[in-house]
Protein backbone atom coordinates (compact mmCIF):
# COMPACT_ATOMS: atom_id res chain seq x y z
CA MET A 1 -0.03 0.02 -0.04
CA THR A 2 1.48 3.36 -0.99
CA GLU A 3 -1.22 5.83 0.12
CA LEU A 4 -2.94 6.82 3.32
CA THR A 5 -6.45 5.29 3.42
CA HIS A 6 -7.76 7.94 5.80
CA VAL A 7 -7.00 10.86 3.41
CA ASP A 8 -9.02 11.44 0.26
CA GLY A 9 -7.65 12.68 -3.11
CA GLU A 10 -7.82 16.34 -1.96
CA GLY A 11 -5.89 15.69 1.22
CA ARG A 12 -8.88 15.79 3.63
CA ALA A 13 -9.40 13.36 6.42
CA ARG A 14 -12.11 10.73 5.87
CA MET A 15 -13.59 7.59 7.26
CA VAL A 16 -12.92 4.62 5.00
CA ASP A 17 -16.02 3.08 3.39
CA VAL A 18 -15.88 -0.66 4.30
CA SER A 19 -19.33 -1.63 3.06
CA ALA A 20 -17.94 -3.64 0.13
CA LYS A 21 -15.62 -5.65 2.36
CA ALA A 22 -16.46 -9.24 3.30
CA GLU A 23 -17.41 -9.98 6.81
CA THR A 24 -14.72 -12.22 8.41
CA THR A 25 -13.41 -13.10 11.81
CA ARG A 26 -10.96 -10.40 12.87
CA ILE A 27 -8.32 -10.89 15.62
CA ALA A 28 -5.60 -8.35 16.70
CA VAL A 29 -2.96 -8.73 19.32
CA ALA A 30 -1.10 -5.71 20.66
CA ALA A 31 1.43 -5.18 23.46
CA GLY A 32 3.43 -2.68 25.46
CA GLU A 33 5.26 -2.22 28.77
CA LEU A 34 5.28 0.15 31.75
CA VAL A 35 8.93 0.59 32.71
CA THR A 36 9.26 1.33 36.45
CA THR A 37 11.26 0.39 39.63
CA PRO A 38 11.93 -3.00 41.17
CA GLU A 39 10.13 -1.63 44.24
CA VAL A 40 6.88 -1.00 42.31
CA ILE A 41 7.18 -4.43 40.64
CA ARG A 42 7.41 -5.99 44.20
CA LEU A 43 4.53 -4.01 45.47
CA VAL A 44 2.24 -4.83 42.49
CA ARG A 45 3.11 -8.52 42.58
CA ALA A 46 2.36 -8.67 46.37
CA ASP A 47 -0.79 -6.49 45.92
CA GLY A 48 0.81 -3.97 48.24
CA MET A 49 0.11 -0.67 46.39
CA PRO A 50 -1.80 2.02 48.18
CA LYS A 51 -4.61 1.96 45.64
CA ALA A 52 -4.54 -1.85 45.71
CA ASP A 53 -5.83 -4.37 43.10
CA VAL A 54 -3.63 -2.65 40.46
CA LEU A 55 -3.83 -5.34 37.71
CA SER A 56 -7.62 -5.77 37.95
CA THR A 57 -8.27 -2.09 37.65
CA ALA A 58 -5.85 -1.81 34.72
CA ARG A 59 -7.55 -4.86 32.96
CA ILE A 60 -11.03 -3.31 33.29
CA ALA A 61 -9.77 -0.01 32.00
CA GLY A 62 -8.09 -1.66 29.03
CA ILE A 63 -11.32 -3.54 28.12
CA ALA A 64 -13.34 -0.37 28.54
CA GLY A 65 -10.87 1.54 26.35
CA ALA A 66 -11.11 -1.02 23.61
CA LYS A 67 -14.96 -0.63 23.65
CA LYS A 68 -14.65 3.20 23.30
CA THR A 69 -12.05 3.24 20.52
CA SER A 70 -14.27 4.81 17.98
CA GLU A 71 -15.10 7.69 20.43
CA LEU A 72 -11.37 8.29 21.22
CA ILE A 73 -10.03 7.95 17.61
CA PRO A 74 -12.22 9.90 15.37
CA LEU A 75 -12.03 7.94 12.05
CA CYS A 76 -12.26 4.54 13.66
CA HIS A 77 -15.43 2.51 12.88
CA GLN A 78 -17.70 1.33 15.69
CA LEU A 79 -17.29 -2.29 16.14
CA ALA A 80 -19.32 -5.07 17.95
CA LEU A 81 -16.45 -6.62 19.83
CA SER A 82 -16.96 -10.29 20.66
CA SER A 83 -13.92 -10.51 22.99
CA VAL A 84 -11.24 -8.36 24.64
CA LYS A 85 -8.56 -9.91 26.74
CA VAL A 86 -5.89 -7.92 28.64
CA GLU A 87 -3.01 -9.79 30.26
CA PHE A 88 -0.06 -8.85 32.29
CA GLY A 89 3.52 -10.09 32.87
CA PHE A 90 6.62 -8.98 34.76
CA THR A 91 10.25 -8.33 34.36
CA GLU A 92 12.56 -7.01 37.00
CA THR A 93 11.72 -3.43 36.03
CA SER A 94 8.58 -3.54 33.91
CA ILE A 95 4.99 -4.73 33.79
CA THR A 96 4.22 -6.04 30.25
CA VAL A 97 0.69 -5.59 28.70
CA GLU A 98 -0.82 -7.81 26.05
CA ALA A 99 -4.31 -7.29 24.60
CA THR A 100 -6.29 -9.43 22.24
CA ALA A 101 -9.39 -8.03 20.57
CA LYS A 102 -11.75 -10.06 18.36
CA THR A 103 -14.79 -9.31 16.26
CA ARG A 104 -16.52 -10.53 13.08
CA GLY A 105 -17.00 -7.74 10.60
CA GLN A 106 -15.78 -5.75 7.71
CA THR A 107 -12.79 -4.00 9.27
CA GLY A 108 -9.98 -4.96 11.59
CA VAL A 109 -9.60 -4.62 15.35
CA GLU A 110 -5.92 -3.36 15.43
CA MET A 111 -6.94 -0.10 16.95
CA GLU A 112 -9.12 -1.64 19.64
CA ALA A 113 -6.15 -3.87 20.68
CA LEU A 114 -3.68 -1.01 20.67
CA THR A 115 -6.15 1.25 22.68
CA ALA A 116 -6.58 -1.56 25.20
CA VAL A 117 -2.95 -1.79 25.72
CA ALA A 118 -2.43 2.05 25.94
CA VAL A 119 -5.33 2.68 28.37
CA ALA A 120 -4.32 -0.35 30.57
CA GLY A 121 -0.79 1.05 30.61
CA LEU A 122 -1.90 4.59 31.51
CA THR A 123 -4.02 3.13 34.24
CA LEU A 124 -1.03 1.23 35.61
CA HIS A 125 0.82 4.60 35.62
CA ASP A 126 -1.95 6.24 37.55
CA MET A 127 -1.86 3.41 40.15
CA VAL A 128 1.91 3.59 40.57
CA LYS A 129 2.69 7.21 40.22
CA ALA A 130 2.83 8.01 43.94
CA ILE A 131 5.72 5.77 44.24
CA ASP A 132 7.34 6.12 40.77
CA PRO A 133 6.19 9.31 38.98
CA ALA A 134 8.89 8.63 36.43
CA ALA A 135 7.35 5.41 35.18
CA THR A 136 7.26 5.27 31.49
CA MET A 137 4.78 3.54 29.13
CA ASN A 138 6.87 2.13 26.14
CA GLY A 139 6.61 0.15 23.00
CA VAL A 140 2.74 0.15 22.27
CA ARG A 141 2.71 -1.93 19.05
CA LEU A 142 0.73 -4.39 17.06
CA LEU A 143 2.04 -7.98 17.21
CA THR A 144 -0.36 -9.81 14.89
CA LYS A 145 -3.67 -9.50 13.06
CA ASP A 146 -5.80 -11.90 11.29
CA GLY A 147 -8.90 -11.69 8.95
CA GLY A 148 -9.96 -9.97 5.87
CA LYS A 149 -8.40 -10.04 2.44
CA ARG A 150 -4.82 -9.92 3.81
CA GLY A 151 -5.26 -12.84 6.19
CA HIS A 152 -2.45 -13.28 8.70
CA TRP A 153 0.13 -10.51 9.49
CA THR A 154 2.75 -10.73 12.09
CA ARG A 155 5.33 -8.21 13.27
CA GLU A 156 8.22 -10.53 12.64
CA ASN A 157 7.52 -10.17 8.89
CA GLN A 158 7.68 -6.41 8.91
CA ASN A 159 10.23 -4.34 7.03
CA PRO A 160 13.55 -4.60 9.02
CA ALA A 161 13.95 -0.82 8.76
CA GLN A 162 10.75 -0.40 10.81
CA SER A 163 11.91 -2.45 13.75
CA SER A 164 14.76 -0.06 14.34
CA THR A 165 12.28 2.62 15.35
CA ALA A 166 11.03 0.59 18.38
CA PRO A 167 12.10 2.05 21.74
CA GLU A 168 15.28 0.61 23.13
CA SER A 169 13.64 -0.07 26.51
CA SER A 170 10.83 -2.09 24.94
CA THR A 171 10.89 -5.86 25.25
CA ALA A 172 11.62 -7.83 22.09
CA PRO A 173 8.36 -8.60 20.22
CA HIS A 174 7.23 -12.11 21.33
CA THR A 175 5.35 -12.75 18.24
CA PHE A 176 3.51 -16.01 17.84
CA ASP A 177 1.61 -17.75 15.00
CA THR A 178 -2.07 -17.28 15.49
CA THR A 179 -2.88 -19.68 12.73
CA ARG A 180 -5.69 -21.82 14.34
CA SER A 181 -5.30 -25.24 12.94
CA ALA A 182 -6.59 -28.34 14.60
CA ALA A 183 -7.18 -32.07 13.90
CA VAL A 184 -9.87 -34.20 15.45
CA LEU A 185 -8.91 -37.95 16.07
CA VAL A 186 -11.54 -40.62 17.04
CA ALA A 187 -10.48 -44.01 18.48
CA SER A 188 -13.34 -46.33 17.70
CA THR A 189 -13.02 -49.81 16.20
CA GLY A 190 -16.72 -49.82 15.39
CA GLY A 191 -16.59 -46.39 13.90
CA ALA A 192 -13.64 -47.36 11.71
CA ALA A 193 -15.54 -50.45 10.48
CA GLY A 194 -18.64 -48.38 9.80
CA THR A 195 -20.78 -50.32 12.19
CA ARG A 196 -21.10 -47.69 14.83
CA PRO A 197 -21.90 -43.86 14.28
CA ASP A 198 -19.38 -41.34 15.45
CA THR A 199 -21.10 -38.93 17.74
CA THR A 200 -18.11 -37.38 19.59
CA GLY A 201 -15.87 -36.46 16.70
CA PRO A 202 -18.43 -34.10 14.95
CA ALA A 203 -19.04 -32.53 18.36
CA ILE A 204 -15.42 -31.66 18.77
CA GLU A 205 -15.18 -30.54 15.22
CA GLN A 206 -18.15 -28.10 15.72
CA TRP A 207 -16.65 -26.84 18.91
CA LEU A 208 -13.36 -25.97 17.17
CA ARG A 209 -14.99 -24.41 14.16
CA ASP A 210 -17.14 -22.18 16.49
CA ARG A 211 -13.86 -20.99 17.82
CA ASP A 212 -12.50 -20.12 14.41
CA PHE A 213 -10.15 -23.16 14.02
CA GLU A 214 -9.42 -24.68 10.73
CA VAL A 215 -10.19 -28.27 11.31
CA ARG A 216 -9.05 -31.52 9.66
CA GLY A 217 -11.12 -34.69 10.46
CA PRO A 218 -12.71 -36.30 12.27
CA LEU A 219 -10.02 -39.03 11.55
CA VAL A 220 -11.59 -42.25 12.67
CA TYR A 221 -9.19 -45.17 13.50
CA ALA A 222 -9.64 -48.47 15.13
CA ASP A 223 -8.26 -48.76 18.69
CA ALA A 224 -5.54 -51.06 17.48
CA ASP A 225 -4.43 -48.46 14.85
CA ILE A 226 -4.61 -45.44 17.01
CA ALA A 227 -0.76 -44.83 16.87
CA ALA A 228 -1.14 -44.49 13.07
CA GLY A 229 -4.07 -42.18 13.69
CA ILE A 230 -1.87 -39.92 15.78
CA ASP A 231 0.73 -39.85 13.04
CA ASP A 232 -2.01 -38.93 10.65
CA ALA A 233 -3.35 -36.17 12.82
CA LYS A 234 0.13 -34.66 13.12
CA THR A 235 0.31 -34.22 9.37
CA GLY A 236 0.91 -30.52 8.69
CA SER A 237 1.86 -29.74 12.33
CA PRO A 238 -1.44 -28.39 13.51
CA ALA A 239 -1.52 -26.30 16.62
CA LEU A 240 -4.00 -28.70 18.29
CA ILE A 241 -4.97 -32.31 18.21
CA ILE A 242 -7.98 -33.43 20.22
CA SER A 243 -8.65 -37.17 20.41
CA THR A 244 -11.77 -38.92 21.69
CA GLY A 245 -12.03 -42.52 22.82
CA GLY A 246 -9.67 -45.27 23.75
CA THR A 247 -8.77 -43.87 27.28
CA GLY A 248 -10.42 -46.51 29.52
CA ALA A 249 -9.14 -49.70 31.03
CA SER A 250 -10.36 -52.25 28.56
CA PRO A 251 -7.63 -54.38 26.72
CA THR A 252 -8.07 -52.47 23.40
CA ASP A 253 -7.87 -48.95 24.96
CA ALA A 254 -4.52 -47.67 23.77
CA THR A 255 -4.88 -43.97 23.17
CA PRO A 256 -2.90 -42.80 26.20
CA GLU A 257 0.03 -45.03 25.41
CA ALA A 258 0.11 -44.01 21.70
CA THR A 259 0.00 -40.43 22.78
CA LEU A 260 2.72 -40.70 25.43
CA ALA A 261 4.92 -42.31 22.71
CA VAL A 262 5.02 -39.00 20.76
CA LEU A 263 4.94 -36.38 23.60
CA THR A 264 8.03 -34.24 24.30
CA ARG A 265 6.36 -32.54 27.29
CA GLU A 266 3.44 -33.51 29.37
CA LEU A 267 0.64 -31.13 30.54
CA PRO A 268 -0.73 -33.24 33.51
CA GLY A 269 -2.86 -30.45 34.93
CA ILE A 270 -5.07 -30.45 31.94
CA ALA A 271 -5.73 -34.16 32.08
CA GLU A 272 -6.29 -33.96 35.85
CA ALA A 273 -8.80 -31.02 35.35
CA ILE A 274 -10.68 -33.08 32.74
CA ARG A 275 -10.97 -35.95 35.15
CA ALA A 276 -12.01 -33.76 38.00
CA LYS A 277 -14.71 -32.20 35.76
CA GLY A 278 -16.08 -35.52 34.93
CA LEU A 279 -16.17 -36.68 38.56
CA GLU A 280 -18.71 -33.96 39.16
CA LYS A 281 -21.10 -36.08 36.95
CA THR A 282 -19.99 -39.70 37.41
CA PRO A 283 -17.48 -41.66 39.47
CA HIS A 284 -16.56 -43.53 36.31
CA ALA A 285 -14.65 -40.41 35.18
CA SER A 286 -11.80 -41.67 37.42
CA LEU A 287 -11.19 -44.61 35.17
CA SER A 288 -10.14 -42.41 32.29
CA ARG A 289 -6.40 -42.61 31.60
CA GLY A 290 -6.30 -39.70 29.06
CA VAL A 291 -3.19 -37.57 28.91
CA ALA A 292 -2.25 -34.12 27.49
CA GLY A 293 0.91 -32.67 26.42
CA LEU A 294 3.08 -31.33 23.53
CA THR A 295 4.75 -32.91 20.56
CA GLU A 296 7.07 -30.19 19.52
CA ARG A 297 4.66 -27.25 19.05
CA THR A 298 1.45 -29.26 18.67
CA VAL A 299 -0.81 -29.64 21.71
CA ILE A 300 -2.44 -33.11 22.03
CA VAL A 301 -5.36 -33.63 24.47
CA ASN A 302 -7.13 -37.04 24.96
CA LEU A 303 -10.81 -36.85 25.77
CA PRO A 304 -12.99 -39.77 26.78
CA GLY A 305 -15.23 -41.51 24.19
CA SER A 306 -18.46 -40.60 25.65
CA PRO A 307 -20.51 -37.49 24.62
CA GLY A 308 -20.67 -36.48 28.28
CA GLY A 309 -16.90 -36.92 28.77
CA VAL A 310 -16.27 -34.92 25.61
CA LYS A 311 -18.53 -32.14 26.83
CA ASP A 312 -16.73 -31.92 30.15
CA GLY A 313 -13.39 -31.91 28.55
CA LEU A 314 -14.21 -29.08 26.13
CA ALA A 315 -15.54 -27.17 29.08
CA VAL A 316 -12.14 -27.47 30.73
CA LEU A 317 -10.30 -26.45 27.43
CA ASP A 318 -12.48 -23.48 26.67
CA PRO A 319 -11.05 -20.88 29.08
CA ILE A 320 -7.45 -21.84 28.65
CA ILE A 321 -6.91 -23.01 24.94
CA ASN A 322 -6.10 -19.59 23.42
CA HIS A 323 -3.65 -18.73 26.13
CA LEU A 324 -2.00 -22.30 25.96
CA LEU A 325 -1.54 -22.19 22.27
CA ALA A 326 -0.04 -18.66 22.39
CA GLN A 327 2.35 -19.82 25.12
CA VAL A 328 3.39 -22.89 23.00
CA ALA A 329 3.97 -20.73 20.00
CA GLY A 330 6.27 -18.43 21.93
CA GLY A 331 3.82 -15.69 23.07
CA GLY A 332 1.15 -15.36 25.81
CA MET A 333 2.01 -13.65 29.01
CA HIS A 334 1.80 -15.13 32.55
CA ASP A 335 -1.18 -13.47 34.17
CA GLU A 336 -0.62 -12.67 37.83
């Protein structure tokens, strides 16, 4: 692009007409940091600031700022935001801020994500200024955006000359791939033979599509062939593989063993949370041997083979999956 879209042919400011653009899911991630003193970091992490509850206040302010972006920045369109998340992390001398904004519409949400970061950072400044009036909000920048005709953009693919303009005190951009690819794997001997309908695979597929994943499958394999099924599901290195079935104690249940054989790191807390969720409904949930973990940068999660077990497992994944995938890909901040 070689021209400014918000200026018309006569040099006058204008709002861009987006009526001809297609409606797509739009996601933007922005970041920044408040550089301050080790004393402030210690107090905030211990919730010891005079104004207290520093991070919660800044988070709410960031979300509110995103929702009011069109009021603050005159040429921005009003958007129906479907999600705004603000997360914080710490270094020895800074509080990092990351915001993710999401909508479905005809224009992007970059400004909403950037505004969320800026307003959250300014709120942090207000909260800590009594102790460190010299605190500085630095490096407010877009990390990634998805949706529309251009698809996926990430800061790591920018013009190298642009990166030299970033403030020296800002943290290095921790970009991550937000491509949302997933595979669904079903362990069912009857399903593979065509003698039993697959009810859990389609449910997982729909759950993923509702969350804007590109889905491969369901891939249905007999219990005895589940290792080959995992190899198949790994084709193309998807961000996420969710399997269903083969996690019990019967002689043919082999999904956990086949999964463990390819894992490079386990995520035991996920499997434990899924079992705990199931135990709220039935004591039989304790019999599930499902595991979760990483094979390189692909997350694999085993769910039980029953519709109820799948529903419980997806309920556990729902609030954590975006943050988990961001962390695995090299982004995602640790929320305090």
